[in-house]
Amino acid sequence: MSLSLKCRSCGSTGAALILDLGRQPLANNLLTPTDLAKAEPKFPLRLAVCQSCWLLQITDLVPPVELFSEYLYFSSFSDLMLRHSREACEGYLKEFGLNDRSLVVEVASNDGYLLQNFVKAKVPCLGIEPAANIAKVAREKGIETLVEFFGQKLAGHLAVQNRQADLILGNNVFAHAPDTNDFVAGLKTLLKPDGRIALEFPYGADFIEHTEFDTIYHEHVFYFTLTALKPLFERHGLTIFRIQRLPIHGGSLRLFAGHTGAHAVEKSAVDLLAEETRKGVNAPGYYEGFGNQVRAIKDDLVALLAKLKRESKRIAAYGASAKGSTLLNYYGVGADTLDFVADRSTYKQGWLTPGTHIPIVPPEELLKRKPDYTLLLTWNFADEILAQQKAYRDAGGKFIVPIPRVKVI
């Protein structure tokens, strides 16, 4: 289906609708019981692909200030994220020779889970985090943090203050910035002439091929492939020179970029672009059928849950995540099916899930209440959660993993 959407990267008006998820609540807008007396705001959630630069993007935006000024996702609650960031920082310190005269800047620095590694190594760093409640936690760790949205304007202010960066980091933020040209222009302005940019984000090809539709929510504006990113960076005088494939979050890329001519383009970037071309990422056929695959998973999961309820099985869920909100609301799975959602974050416990209004409780409740089955909404952390819940599983509890296909563990 053709749309008149103007691409947020190249400006083209030729786009094709990939999936319509209907009207959805904001995925991180958790509720209190008193909120149930008020109308819950919901917004259209549709995914399209630009047929000029092949950038996957949602069609309807919610102002970032409504999404990020107060936030309930704290990265430090994930052991996997802590380990992943520590290992990445160790690699950056070693390869790039960072020292006490360097500056590392992280965009969307969250609670300091990543930058604390540079503080420990005595490398100067600066966090940029729009959520004041999360920035407060980072500052308590001794990490200088600006409560700002990142873009060209802020980058210019920092550059004038002689605070250009040797290394700019952005983990799971790039896809959340609706003005992607302003974001990339800001990266260029903030970067020293020989500096490096390292961005991590879920990979658009894995997203399509593994039917990771629950990654779609209002905060997550883009789903990037190298095919779509290469012209975007080149437009702003930057070159993508290295790509690393990462298993985290169902398949991610770690992209390295710098000023054009500053770093030789490596084989990894050349090879991935060629691979995407072979797959047909730059053609409509690659995206056809995605919606049908999403609906097939829905049929399988809803049928399984209905069967278990008929058998009087007790069912809970794990992970009060954004992706969980998308899945539950689109598939129509609510409090009549799930008794509760367990989540490790103390900031979410005691709240209700958006749209479906399921109570969020500590993970210890799994072993205490012993539901027969638990729907794993944070399937991207499956190994970590399954290990943490060994006692529940040993007691007979089973997990239902919905993506990329429904299976019971």
Protein backbone atom coordinates (compact mmCIF):
# COMPACT_ATOMS: atom_id res chain seq x y z
CA MET A 1 0.00 0.00 0.00
CA SER A 2 1.46 3.36 -1.06
CA LEU A 3 1.68 6.29 1.38
CA SER A 4 2.36 10.01 0.97
CA LEU A 5 4.82 9.94 3.90
CA LYS A 6 7.83 12.23 3.52
CA CYS A 7 10.96 10.25 4.38
CA ARG A 8 12.72 11.66 7.45
CA SER A 9 16.11 10.96 5.89
CA CYS A 10 16.09 11.66 2.15
CA GLY A 11 12.87 13.68 1.89
CA SER A 12 11.29 11.44 -0.73
CA THR A 13 7.50 11.07 -0.68
CA GLY A 14 7.40 7.50 -2.00
CA ALA A 15 6.75 5.04 0.83
CA ALA A 16 5.03 1.68 1.21
CA LEU A 17 3.06 0.56 4.28
CA ILE A 18 4.58 -2.57 5.85
CA LEU A 19 2.45 -3.11 8.97
CA ASP A 20 -0.44 -1.33 10.73
CA LEU A 21 -0.54 -2.07 14.47
CA GLY A 22 -3.61 0.08 15.06
CA ARG A 23 -3.88 2.66 17.84
CA GLN A 24 -1.50 1.88 20.69
CA PRO A 25 -0.74 3.44 24.08
CA LEU A 26 2.74 4.81 24.67
CA ALA A 27 4.76 1.69 25.42
CA ASN A 28 6.49 3.04 28.53
CA ASN A 29 3.51 4.98 29.88
CA LEU A 30 2.90 2.80 32.92
CA LEU A 31 -0.26 3.47 34.91
CA THR A 32 -1.41 3.60 38.51
CA PRO A 33 -4.83 2.24 39.58
CA THR A 34 -6.15 5.81 39.83
CA ASP A 35 -5.22 6.41 36.18
CA LEU A 36 -7.82 3.87 35.09
CA ALA A 37 -10.57 6.40 35.71
CA LYS A 38 -9.15 8.61 32.94
CA ALA A 39 -9.03 8.05 29.20
CA GLU A 40 -5.72 6.50 28.20
CA PRO A 41 -4.15 8.29 25.21
CA LYS A 42 -3.46 6.09 22.19
CA PHE A 43 -1.81 6.91 18.89
CA PRO A 44 -1.59 5.27 15.45
CA LEU A 45 1.37 2.91 15.10
CA ARG A 46 2.25 2.08 11.49
CA LEU A 47 5.51 1.02 9.85
CA ALA A 48 6.50 2.05 6.33
CA VAL A 49 9.59 1.84 4.12
CA CYS A 50 10.89 4.67 1.94
CA GLN A 51 11.16 3.39 -1.62
CA SER A 52 14.00 5.77 -2.45
CA CYS A 53 16.56 5.25 0.37
CA TRP A 54 14.88 2.13 1.92
CA LEU A 55 14.69 3.51 5.44
CA LEU A 56 12.13 1.74 7.63
CA GLN A 57 10.23 4.24 9.79
CA ILE A 58 6.98 4.69 11.67
CA THR A 59 4.51 7.06 10.06
CA ASP A 60 3.09 8.92 13.08
CA LEU A 61 5.28 10.71 15.61
CA VAL A 62 4.68 11.55 19.25
CA PRO A 63 6.73 14.56 20.49
CA PRO A 64 9.93 13.31 22.19
CA VAL A 65 9.26 15.44 25.26
CA GLU A 66 6.18 13.26 25.93
CA LEU A 67 8.27 10.11 25.62
CA PHE A 68 11.58 10.78 27.29
CA SER A 69 11.38 13.62 29.85
CA GLU A 70 10.48 11.10 32.57
CA TYR A 71 11.53 7.53 31.83
CA LEU A 72 11.31 4.19 33.58
CA TYR A 73 13.91 2.12 31.72
CA PHE A 74 17.12 1.87 33.75
CA SER A 75 19.83 -0.09 31.90
CA SER A 76 21.62 -1.13 35.09
CA PHE A 77 18.86 -3.61 35.94
CA SER A 78 20.14 -5.90 33.17
CA ASP A 79 23.25 -7.94 33.94
CA LEU A 80 23.63 -8.55 30.22
CA MET A 81 23.68 -4.81 29.44
CA LEU A 82 26.23 -4.16 32.17
CA ARG A 83 28.51 -6.90 30.87
CA HIS A 84 28.00 -5.89 27.24
CA SER A 85 28.87 -2.25 27.94
CA ARG A 86 31.88 -3.12 30.09
CA GLU A 87 33.35 -5.33 27.37
CA ALA A 88 32.72 -2.65 24.73
CA CYS A 89 34.45 0.02 26.83
CA GLU A 90 37.45 -2.22 27.43
CA GLY A 91 37.78 -2.62 23.68
CA TYR A 92 37.50 1.11 23.02
CA LEU A 93 40.08 1.96 25.67
CA LYS A 94 42.55 -0.52 24.26
CA GLU A 95 42.11 0.14 20.52
CA PHE A 96 41.66 3.91 20.55
CA GLY A 97 44.28 4.73 23.21
CA LEU A 98 41.90 6.85 25.30
CA ASN A 99 43.48 8.57 28.31
CA ASP A 100 43.04 11.45 30.74
CA ARG A 101 43.33 13.97 27.86
CA SER A 102 40.51 12.37 25.86
CA LEU A 103 36.79 13.04 25.98
CA VAL A 104 34.08 10.41 25.60
CA VAL A 105 30.51 11.65 25.09
CA GLU A 106 27.53 9.33 25.29
CA VAL A 107 24.17 10.32 23.84
CA ALA A 108 21.24 8.94 25.88
CA SER A 109 23.58 7.90 28.67
CA ASN A 110 20.75 6.57 30.85
CA ASP A 111 21.81 5.86 34.45
CA GLY A 112 25.55 5.82 33.70
CA TYR A 113 25.68 2.05 33.19
CA LEU A 114 28.20 2.50 30.34
CA LEU A 115 30.12 5.68 31.20
CA GLN A 116 30.93 4.40 34.69
CA ASN A 117 33.52 2.19 32.99
CA PHE A 118 35.33 5.25 31.62
CA VAL A 119 35.15 6.99 35.00
CA LYS A 120 36.82 3.94 36.52
CA ALA A 121 39.55 4.15 33.84
CA LYS A 122 39.99 7.88 34.61
CA VAL A 123 38.96 8.92 31.08
CA PRO A 124 36.95 12.18 31.07
CA CYS A 125 33.38 11.66 29.91
CA LEU A 126 30.08 13.46 29.50
CA GLY A 127 26.59 12.00 29.44
CA ILE A 128 23.65 13.53 27.59
CA GLU A 129 20.32 12.24 28.90
CA PRO A 130 16.89 13.89 28.42
CA ALA A 131 15.17 12.09 31.32
CA ALA A 132 15.87 14.08 34.48
CA ASN A 133 15.02 11.19 36.83
CA ILE A 134 17.56 8.92 35.15
CA ALA A 135 20.23 11.63 34.82
CA LYS A 136 19.98 12.13 38.59
CA VAL A 137 21.03 8.51 39.15
CA ALA A 138 24.02 8.92 36.80
CA ARG A 139 25.14 12.11 38.59
CA GLU A 140 25.01 10.26 41.89
CA LYS A 141 27.62 7.91 40.38
CA GLY A 142 29.90 10.88 39.68
CA ILE A 143 29.13 11.09 35.96
CA GLU A 144 28.70 14.58 34.53
CA THR A 145 25.33 14.48 32.77
CA LEU A 146 23.46 17.14 30.81
CA VAL A 147 19.65 16.90 30.85
CA GLU A 148 19.17 17.67 27.17
CA PHE A 149 18.01 16.23 23.87
CA PHE A 150 20.92 15.75 21.49
CA GLY A 151 21.11 17.48 18.14
CA GLN A 152 23.00 20.02 16.08
CA LYS A 153 22.25 22.92 18.46
CA LEU A 154 23.60 21.20 21.58
CA ALA A 155 26.60 19.85 19.65
CA GLY A 156 27.40 23.39 18.51
CA HIS A 157 27.29 24.70 22.08
CA LEU A 158 29.68 21.97 23.22
CA ALA A 159 32.04 22.53 20.30
CA VAL A 160 32.25 26.27 21.11
CA GLN A 161 33.19 25.27 24.67
CA ASN A 162 36.07 23.21 23.26
CA ARG A 163 34.32 19.98 24.24
CA GLN A 164 34.54 18.05 20.99
CA ALA A 165 34.78 14.31 21.49
CA ASP A 166 37.40 11.70 20.68
CA LEU A 167 34.65 9.10 20.91
CA ILE A 168 30.89 9.58 20.67
CA LEU A 169 28.76 6.67 21.85
CA GLY A 170 25.08 6.06 21.26
CA ASN A 171 23.56 2.75 22.34
CA ASN A 172 19.92 2.24 21.37
CA VAL A 173 19.24 5.94 20.87
CA PHE A 174 19.89 6.61 17.18
CA ALA A 175 16.62 4.97 16.11
CA HIS A 176 14.72 7.07 18.71
CA ALA A 177 15.70 10.48 17.30
CA PRO A 178 12.92 11.57 14.89
CA ASP A 179 15.00 14.25 13.12
CA THR A 180 17.70 11.88 11.98
CA ASN A 181 19.44 14.50 9.82
CA ASP A 182 19.75 16.84 12.80
CA PHE A 183 21.09 13.96 14.92
CA VAL A 184 23.78 12.99 12.38
CA ALA A 185 24.69 16.66 11.79
CA GLY A 186 25.15 16.95 15.54
CA LEU A 187 27.48 13.94 15.56
CA LYS A 188 29.66 15.59 12.92
CA THR A 189 29.79 18.91 14.80
CA LEU A 190 30.69 17.27 18.11
CA LEU A 191 33.39 14.98 16.70
CA LYS A 192 37.09 15.86 16.67
CA PRO A 193 38.76 15.67 13.22
CA ASP A 194 40.23 12.23 13.93
CA GLY A 195 37.51 11.10 16.35
CA ARG A 196 35.19 8.13 16.06
CA ILE A 197 31.46 7.55 16.43
CA ALA A 198 30.18 4.19 17.69
CA LEU A 199 26.43 3.61 17.52
CA GLU A 200 24.53 0.45 18.45
CA PHE A 201 20.98 -0.27 17.35
CA PRO A 202 18.76 -3.21 16.39
CA TYR A 203 19.51 -4.27 12.82
CA GLY A 204 16.70 -3.73 10.33
CA ALA A 205 17.47 -6.89 8.35
CA ASP A 206 17.27 -9.07 11.47
CA PHE A 207 14.08 -7.21 12.40
CA ILE A 208 12.45 -8.16 9.09
CA GLU A 209 13.85 -11.68 8.78
CA HIS A 210 13.08 -12.68 12.40
CA THR A 211 9.63 -10.98 12.48
CA GLU A 212 10.62 -8.78 15.43
CA PHE A 213 7.48 -6.65 15.08
CA ASP A 214 7.30 -5.98 18.82
CA THR A 215 10.33 -3.73 18.41
CA ILE A 216 7.89 -1.25 16.84
CA TYR A 217 6.71 1.40 19.28
CA HIS A 218 6.36 5.18 19.24
CA GLU A 219 9.81 5.84 20.73
CA HIS A 220 11.48 3.66 18.11
CA VAL A 221 11.10 5.75 14.95
CA PHE A 222 13.58 3.95 12.67
CA TYR A 223 14.77 0.43 11.84
CA PHE A 224 18.15 0.79 10.18
CA THR A 225 19.98 -1.11 7.48
CA LEU A 226 23.37 -0.09 6.14
CA THR A 227 21.72 0.50 2.77
CA ALA A 228 19.63 3.28 4.31
CA LEU A 229 22.38 4.71 6.53
CA LYS A 230 25.22 5.07 4.04
CA PRO A 231 23.68 8.01 2.13
CA LEU A 232 22.47 9.63 5.35
CA PHE A 233 25.97 9.78 6.82
CA GLU A 234 27.56 10.82 3.52
CA ARG A 235 25.09 13.68 3.25
CA HIS A 236 26.65 15.11 6.43
CA GLY A 237 30.31 14.55 5.59
CA LEU A 238 30.68 11.33 7.56
CA THR A 239 31.72 7.86 6.42
CA ILE A 240 30.73 4.53 7.95
CA PHE A 241 34.03 2.66 8.04
CA ARG A 242 33.37 -0.43 10.19
CA ILE A 243 30.42 -2.66 11.08
CA GLN A 244 30.15 -5.27 13.81
CA ARG A 245 27.25 -7.71 14.03
CA LEU A 246 26.01 -8.26 17.58
CA PRO A 247 23.55 -10.86 18.89
CA ILE A 248 22.08 -8.53 21.52
CA HIS A 249 18.42 -7.44 21.22
CA GLY A 250 17.63 -10.06 18.61
CA GLY A 251 20.41 -8.87 16.32
CA SER A 252 22.11 -5.46 16.37
CA LEU A 253 24.77 -3.51 14.53
CA ARG A 254 27.64 -1.57 16.05
CA LEU A 255 28.44 1.08 13.48
CA PHE A 256 31.69 3.06 13.45
CA ALA A 257 31.88 6.34 11.55
CA GLY A 258 34.17 9.33 11.27
CA HIS A 259 34.77 12.44 9.20
CA THR A 260 35.08 11.56 5.52
CA GLY A 261 38.69 10.62 4.78
CA ALA A 262 39.72 10.24 8.43
CA HIS A 263 39.50 6.44 8.57
CA ALA A 264 39.87 3.79 5.88
CA VAL A 265 36.67 1.92 5.04
CA GLU A 266 37.08 -1.64 6.28
CA LYS A 267 35.97 -4.90 4.72
CA SER A 268 33.15 -5.36 7.24
CA ALA A 269 31.30 -2.30 5.92
CA VAL A 270 31.83 -3.24 2.28
CA ASP A 271 30.73 -6.83 2.84
CA LEU A 272 27.53 -5.99 4.73
CA LEU A 273 26.42 -3.54 2.06
CA ALA A 274 27.01 -6.20 -0.60
CA GLU A 275 25.10 -8.76 1.48
CA GLU A 276 22.11 -6.44 1.80
CA THR A 277 22.12 -5.87 -1.95
CA ARG A 278 22.11 -9.63 -2.57
CA LYS A 279 19.17 -10.02 -0.19
CA GLY A 280 17.23 -7.29 -1.98
CA VAL A 281 17.04 -4.81 0.91
CA ASN A 282 16.84 -2.09 -1.76
CA ALA A 283 13.72 -3.58 -3.39
CA PRO A 284 10.03 -3.86 -2.36
CA GLY A 285 9.93 -7.66 -2.40
CA TYR A 286 12.17 -7.92 0.67
CA TYR A 287 9.47 -6.35 2.86
CA GLU A 288 6.43 -8.12 1.44
CA GLY A 289 4.98 -10.80 3.64
CA PHE A 290 6.21 -9.27 6.92
CA GLY A 291 2.65 -8.47 8.01
CA ASN A 292 1.47 -11.99 7.23
CA GLN A 293 4.29 -13.44 9.35
CA VAL A 294 3.28 -11.19 12.27
CA ARG A 295 -0.31 -12.36 12.01
CA ALA A 296 0.78 -16.01 11.85
CA ILE A 297 2.65 -15.61 15.16
CA LYS A 298 -0.48 -14.00 16.61
CA ASP A 299 -2.62 -16.96 15.56
CA ASP A 300 -0.16 -19.43 17.12
CA LEU A 301 0.27 -17.54 20.39
CA VAL A 302 -3.39 -16.68 20.94
CA ALA A 303 -4.38 -20.28 20.20
CA LEU A 304 -1.81 -21.60 22.68
CA LEU A 305 -2.89 -19.21 25.43
CA ALA A 306 -6.56 -20.03 24.85
CA LYS A 307 -5.80 -23.76 25.05
CA LEU A 308 -3.90 -23.32 28.32
CA LYS A 309 -6.75 -21.28 29.84
CA ARG A 310 -9.25 -23.97 28.86
CA GLU A 311 -7.03 -26.41 30.72
CA SER A 312 -7.20 -24.11 33.78
CA LYS A 313 -3.49 -23.33 33.59
CA ARG A 314 -2.26 -20.21 35.35
CA ILE A 315 -0.33 -17.85 33.07
CA ALA A 316 1.86 -14.86 33.88
CA ALA A 317 4.35 -12.80 31.86
CA TYR A 318 7.92 -11.62 32.37
CA GLY A 319 9.20 -8.21 31.30
CA ALA A 320 7.13 -5.00 31.48
CA SER A 321 8.98 -3.79 28.41
CA ALA A 322 8.10 -1.58 25.47
CA LYS A 323 8.17 -4.57 23.14
CA GLY A 324 5.86 -6.39 25.55
CA SER A 325 3.38 -3.52 25.37
CA THR A 326 3.30 -3.67 21.57
CA LEU A 327 2.78 -7.43 21.51
CA LEU A 328 0.10 -7.54 24.20
CA ASN A 329 -1.91 -4.64 22.78
CA TYR A 330 -1.75 -5.75 19.15
CA TYR A 331 -2.53 -9.37 19.96
CA GLY A 332 -5.26 -8.45 22.47
CA VAL A 333 -3.71 -10.36 25.39
CA GLY A 334 -4.69 -8.75 28.68
CA ALA A 335 -5.49 -9.23 32.34
CA ASP A 336 -8.13 -11.85 31.54
CA THR A 337 -5.29 -14.11 30.33
CA LEU A 338 -2.24 -13.02 32.35
CA ASP A 339 -2.31 -12.86 36.14
CA PHE A 340 0.66 -10.49 36.43
CA VAL A 341 3.86 -9.31 34.75
CA ALA A 342 7.10 -9.84 36.65
CA ASP A 343 9.88 -7.32 36.16
CA ARG A 344 13.25 -6.81 37.84
CA SER A 345 13.06 -3.02 37.77
CA THR A 346 11.95 -1.62 41.12
CA TYR A 347 10.89 1.52 39.24
CA LYS A 348 8.16 -0.46 37.42
CA GLN A 349 6.90 -2.65 40.24
CA GLY A 350 3.51 -1.61 41.59
CA TRP A 351 2.41 -0.06 38.29
CA LEU A 352 0.09 -1.36 35.57
CA THR A 353 1.00 -2.14 31.96
CA PRO A 354 -0.12 0.35 29.25
CA GLY A 355 -3.38 -0.52 27.53
CA THR A 356 -3.71 -3.97 29.10
CA HIS A 357 -3.57 -2.86 32.78
CA ILE A 358 -1.81 -5.95 34.13
CA PRO A 359 -0.14 -5.49 37.55
CA ILE A 360 3.67 -5.42 37.55
CA VAL A 361 5.33 -7.32 40.40
CA PRO A 362 8.86 -8.36 41.47
CA PRO A 363 10.30 -11.47 39.75
CA GLU A 364 10.26 -13.33 43.07
CA GLU A 365 6.51 -13.65 42.58
CA LEU A 366 7.11 -16.30 39.91
CA LEU A 367 8.47 -18.75 42.46
CA LYS A 368 5.98 -17.61 45.10
CA ARG A 369 2.81 -17.89 42.98
CA LYS A 370 4.12 -20.61 40.63
CA PRO A 371 2.16 -19.89 37.44
CA ASP A 372 2.22 -22.91 35.13
CA TYR A 373 3.43 -20.82 32.19
CA THR A 374 5.13 -17.44 31.82
CA LEU A 375 5.05 -15.49 28.56
CA LEU A 376 8.56 -14.09 28.04
CA LEU A 377 7.98 -10.60 26.67
CA THR A 378 11.66 -9.63 26.98
CA TRP A 379 12.74 -12.51 24.75
CA ASN A 380 15.85 -10.53 23.77
CA PHE A 381 17.19 -11.26 27.28
CA ALA A 382 16.02 -14.88 27.26
CA ASP A 383 19.30 -16.52 28.33
CA GLU A 384 19.77 -14.11 31.23
CA ILE A 385 16.18 -14.45 32.48
CA LEU A 386 16.02 -18.23 32.11
CA ALA A 387 19.19 -18.50 34.19
CA GLN A 388 17.84 -16.12 36.84
CA GLN A 389 14.61 -18.11 37.05
CA LYS A 390 16.18 -21.54 37.41
CA ALA A 391 14.35 -22.21 40.69
CA TYR A 392 10.98 -21.42 39.10
CA ARG A 393 11.76 -23.70 36.17
CA ASP A 394 13.01 -26.46 38.46
CA ALA A 395 9.67 -26.21 40.27
CA GLY A 396 7.89 -26.99 37.01
CA GLY A 397 7.35 -23.52 35.56
CA LYS A 398 7.59 -23.16 31.78
CA PHE A 399 8.36 -20.13 29.64
CA ILE A 400 6.61 -19.27 26.37
CA VAL A 401 8.94 -17.48 23.94
CA PRO A 402 6.89 -15.67 21.24
CA ILE A 403 9.56 -14.41 18.81
CA PRO A 404 10.65 -15.37 16.13
CA ARG A 405 8.22 -18.27 16.51
CA VAL A 406 6.14 -19.47 19.42
CA LYS A 407 7.87 -22.15 21.50
CA VAL A 408 7.63 -23.46 25.05
CA ILE A 409 10.79 -23.91 27.13
